[in-house]
N, C-alpha and C. Protein backbone atom coordinates (compact mmCIF):
# COMPACT_ATOMS: atom_id res chain seq x y z
N MET A 1 0.85 -1.18 0.00
CA MET A 1 0.00 0.00 0.00
C MET A 1 0.90 1.24 0.00
N ASN A 2 0.55 2.20 -0.81
CA ASN A 2 1.27 3.47 -0.87
C ASN A 2 0.66 4.41 0.16
N GLU A 3 1.36 4.65 1.25
CA GLU A 3 0.84 5.47 2.35
C GLU A 3 0.55 6.90 1.92
N ASP A 4 1.39 7.46 1.07
CA ASP A 4 1.17 8.84 0.62
C ASP A 4 -0.11 8.95 -0.21
N ALA A 5 -0.29 8.02 -1.14
CA ALA A 5 -1.50 8.03 -1.96
C ALA A 5 -2.74 7.78 -1.11
N PHE A 6 -2.64 6.88 -0.15
CA PHE A 6 -3.74 6.57 0.76
C PHE A 6 -4.12 7.81 1.57
N ASN A 7 -3.12 8.48 2.13
CA ASN A 7 -3.36 9.68 2.94
C ASN A 7 -4.01 10.77 2.10
N MET A 8 -3.51 11.00 0.90
CA MET A 8 -4.07 12.04 0.03
C MET A 8 -5.51 11.70 -0.37
N SER A 9 -5.78 10.43 -0.61
CA SER A 9 -7.13 10.01 -0.97
C SER A 9 -8.10 10.25 0.18
N ILE A 10 -7.67 9.95 1.40
CA ILE A 10 -8.51 10.21 2.58
C ILE A 10 -8.77 11.70 2.72
N ARG A 11 -7.74 12.51 2.57
CA ARG A 11 -7.89 13.96 2.69
C ARG A 11 -8.85 14.51 1.64
N LYS A 12 -8.75 14.01 0.43
CA LYS A 12 -9.63 14.45 -0.66
C LYS A 12 -11.09 14.09 -0.33
N PHE A 13 -11.30 12.87 0.16
CA PHE A 13 -12.64 12.45 0.54
C PHE A 13 -13.19 13.31 1.67
N LEU A 14 -12.38 13.55 2.71
CA LEU A 14 -12.84 14.35 3.85
C LEU A 14 -13.13 15.80 3.46
N LYS A 15 -12.35 16.33 2.52
CA LYS A 15 -12.63 17.69 2.04
C LYS A 15 -13.98 17.73 1.35
N LYS A 16 -14.25 16.73 0.52
CA LYS A 16 -15.54 16.65 -0.17
C LYS A 16 -16.68 16.53 0.84
N VAL A 17 -16.49 15.70 1.85
CA VAL A 17 -17.50 15.53 2.90
C VAL A 17 -17.74 16.86 3.62
N GLY A 18 -16.67 17.55 3.98
CA GLY A 18 -16.80 18.80 4.71
C GLY A 18 -17.50 19.88 3.91
N VAL A 19 -17.10 20.07 2.68
CA VAL A 19 -17.68 21.11 1.83
C VAL A 19 -19.15 20.81 1.55
N THR A 20 -19.43 19.57 1.18
CA THR A 20 -20.81 19.18 0.87
C THR A 20 -21.70 19.28 2.10
N SER A 21 -21.21 18.80 3.23
CA SER A 21 -21.99 18.85 4.47
C SER A 21 -22.32 20.27 4.87
N GLN A 22 -21.33 21.16 4.81
CA GLN A 22 -21.57 22.54 5.18
C GLN A 22 -22.62 23.18 4.28
N ARG A 23 -22.50 22.96 2.98
CA ARG A 23 -23.46 23.53 2.03
C ARG A 23 -24.88 23.02 2.31
N GLU A 24 -25.02 21.73 2.53
CA GLU A 24 -26.35 21.15 2.76
C GLU A 24 -26.95 21.63 4.07
N ILE A 25 -26.14 21.74 5.12
CA ILE A 25 -26.64 22.23 6.41
C ILE A 25 -27.07 23.68 6.29
N GLU A 26 -26.23 24.50 5.65
CA GLU A 26 -26.58 25.92 5.48
C GLU A 26 -27.89 26.07 4.69
N ASN A 27 -28.04 25.34 3.60
CA ASN A 27 -29.27 25.43 2.81
C ASN A 27 -30.48 25.01 3.62
N ALA A 28 -30.37 23.91 4.34
CA ALA A 28 -31.50 23.41 5.13
C ALA A 28 -31.90 24.40 6.23
N VAL A 29 -30.92 24.99 6.89
CA VAL A 29 -31.20 25.95 7.96
C VAL A 29 -31.84 27.21 7.38
N HIS A 30 -31.30 27.72 6.28
CA HIS A 30 -31.88 28.92 5.67
C HIS A 30 -33.32 28.68 5.21
N GLN A 31 -33.58 27.52 4.64
CA GLN A 31 -34.94 27.19 4.21
C GLN A 31 -35.88 27.08 5.40
N ALA A 32 -35.42 26.46 6.48
CA ALA A 32 -36.25 26.31 7.68
C ALA A 32 -36.55 27.66 8.31
N VAL A 33 -35.57 28.55 8.33
CA VAL A 33 -35.78 29.90 8.88
C VAL A 33 -36.78 30.65 8.00
N ALA A 34 -36.60 30.59 6.69
CA ALA A 34 -37.49 31.29 5.76
C ALA A 34 -38.92 30.78 5.86
N ALA A 35 -39.09 29.51 6.14
CA ALA A 35 -40.43 28.91 6.24
C ALA A 35 -41.03 29.10 7.63
N GLY A 36 -40.28 29.72 8.54
CA GLY A 36 -40.78 29.94 9.89
C GLY A 36 -40.74 28.70 10.76
N LYS A 37 -40.03 27.68 10.34
CA LYS A 37 -39.95 26.43 11.10
C LYS A 37 -38.81 26.45 12.11
N LEU A 38 -37.96 27.45 12.01
CA LEU A 38 -36.77 27.49 12.86
C LEU A 38 -36.43 28.92 13.18
N SER A 39 -36.09 29.15 14.42
CA SER A 39 -35.59 30.46 14.83
C SER A 39 -34.35 30.22 15.68
N GLY A 40 -33.63 31.27 15.96
CA GLY A 40 -32.42 31.13 16.76
C GLY A 40 -32.71 30.66 18.17
N GLY A 41 -31.69 30.50 18.93
CA GLY A 41 -31.87 30.12 20.32
C GLY A 41 -31.18 28.81 20.64
N ARG A 42 -31.85 27.73 20.36
CA ARG A 42 -31.30 26.43 20.72
C ARG A 42 -30.40 25.88 19.62
N PRO A 43 -29.35 25.17 20.04
CA PRO A 43 -28.49 24.55 19.02
C PRO A 43 -29.20 23.38 18.35
N LEU A 44 -28.78 23.07 17.15
CA LEU A 44 -29.33 21.93 16.42
C LEU A 44 -28.46 20.70 16.67
N LYS A 45 -29.09 19.59 17.00
CA LYS A 45 -28.35 18.35 17.16
C LYS A 45 -28.05 17.81 15.76
N ALA A 46 -26.83 17.34 15.57
CA ALA A 46 -26.42 16.81 14.27
C ALA A 46 -25.74 15.46 14.47
N LYS A 47 -25.88 14.60 13.47
CA LYS A 47 -25.26 13.28 13.54
C LYS A 47 -24.86 12.85 12.14
N VAL A 48 -23.68 12.30 12.03
CA VAL A 48 -23.17 11.72 10.79
C VAL A 48 -22.72 10.31 11.12
N VAL A 49 -23.01 9.39 10.25
CA VAL A 49 -22.50 8.03 10.43
C VAL A 49 -21.50 7.77 9.30
N LEU A 50 -20.25 7.63 9.68
CA LEU A 50 -19.19 7.34 8.72
C LEU A 50 -19.11 5.84 8.51
N THR A 51 -19.27 5.41 7.28
CA THR A 51 -19.16 4.00 6.96
C THR A 51 -18.14 3.82 5.84
N VAL A 52 -17.39 2.76 5.95
CA VAL A 52 -16.44 2.41 4.90
C VAL A 52 -16.63 0.93 4.59
N ASP A 53 -17.18 0.68 3.42
CA ASP A 53 -17.39 -0.70 2.99
C ASP A 53 -16.04 -1.39 2.84
N GLY A 54 -16.01 -2.65 3.08
CA GLY A 54 -14.80 -3.43 2.88
C GLY A 54 -13.95 -3.60 4.13
N VAL A 55 -14.14 -2.71 5.10
CA VAL A 55 -13.37 -2.84 6.35
C VAL A 55 -14.28 -2.89 7.58
N GLY A 56 -15.59 -2.85 7.35
CA GLY A 56 -16.54 -2.97 8.45
C GLY A 56 -16.57 -1.76 9.38
N LEU A 57 -16.25 -0.59 8.85
CA LEU A 57 -16.25 0.62 9.69
C LEU A 57 -17.61 1.28 9.67
N SER A 58 -18.11 1.58 10.85
CA SER A 58 -19.35 2.34 11.01
C SER A 58 -19.22 3.12 12.32
N VAL A 59 -19.00 4.43 12.19
CA VAL A 59 -18.74 5.26 13.36
C VAL A 59 -19.73 6.42 13.40
N PRO A 60 -20.58 6.48 14.42
CA PRO A 60 -21.46 7.65 14.55
C PRO A 60 -20.69 8.83 15.13
N ILE A 61 -20.91 10.00 14.56
CA ILE A 61 -20.28 11.22 15.05
C ILE A 61 -21.40 12.21 15.33
N GLU A 62 -21.49 12.64 16.59
CA GLU A 62 -22.59 13.52 16.99
C GLU A 62 -22.05 14.85 17.47
N GLY A 63 -22.86 15.88 17.33
CA GLY A 63 -22.47 17.20 17.80
C GLY A 63 -23.65 18.14 17.76
N GLU A 64 -23.37 19.40 17.99
CA GLU A 64 -24.40 20.43 17.97
C GLU A 64 -23.94 21.58 17.08
N ILE A 65 -24.89 22.22 16.44
CA ILE A 65 -24.62 23.39 15.59
C ILE A 65 -25.32 24.58 16.22
N GLU A 66 -24.52 25.56 16.62
CA GLU A 66 -25.06 26.77 17.23
C GLU A 66 -25.56 27.72 16.14
N LEU A 67 -26.69 28.34 16.39
CA LEU A 67 -27.25 29.30 15.44
C LEU A 67 -26.96 30.74 15.85
N GLU A 68 -26.60 30.93 17.08
CA GLU A 68 -26.31 32.29 17.57
C GLU A 68 -25.00 32.30 18.31
């Protein structure tokens, strides 16, 4: 296994995950605010489940997103 290629591939994947996730969260929050379904105050609970086929990886990652 080429460790450098492996590391770069992971970084590329994580960058894609980060950029896409941020865009989707921002769009969903803006739409909810515009529709009157969401206002500031309480943080939003968020969860991502990272899975990697072939190695049996499934890791839940939980956190909160502050709006104010």
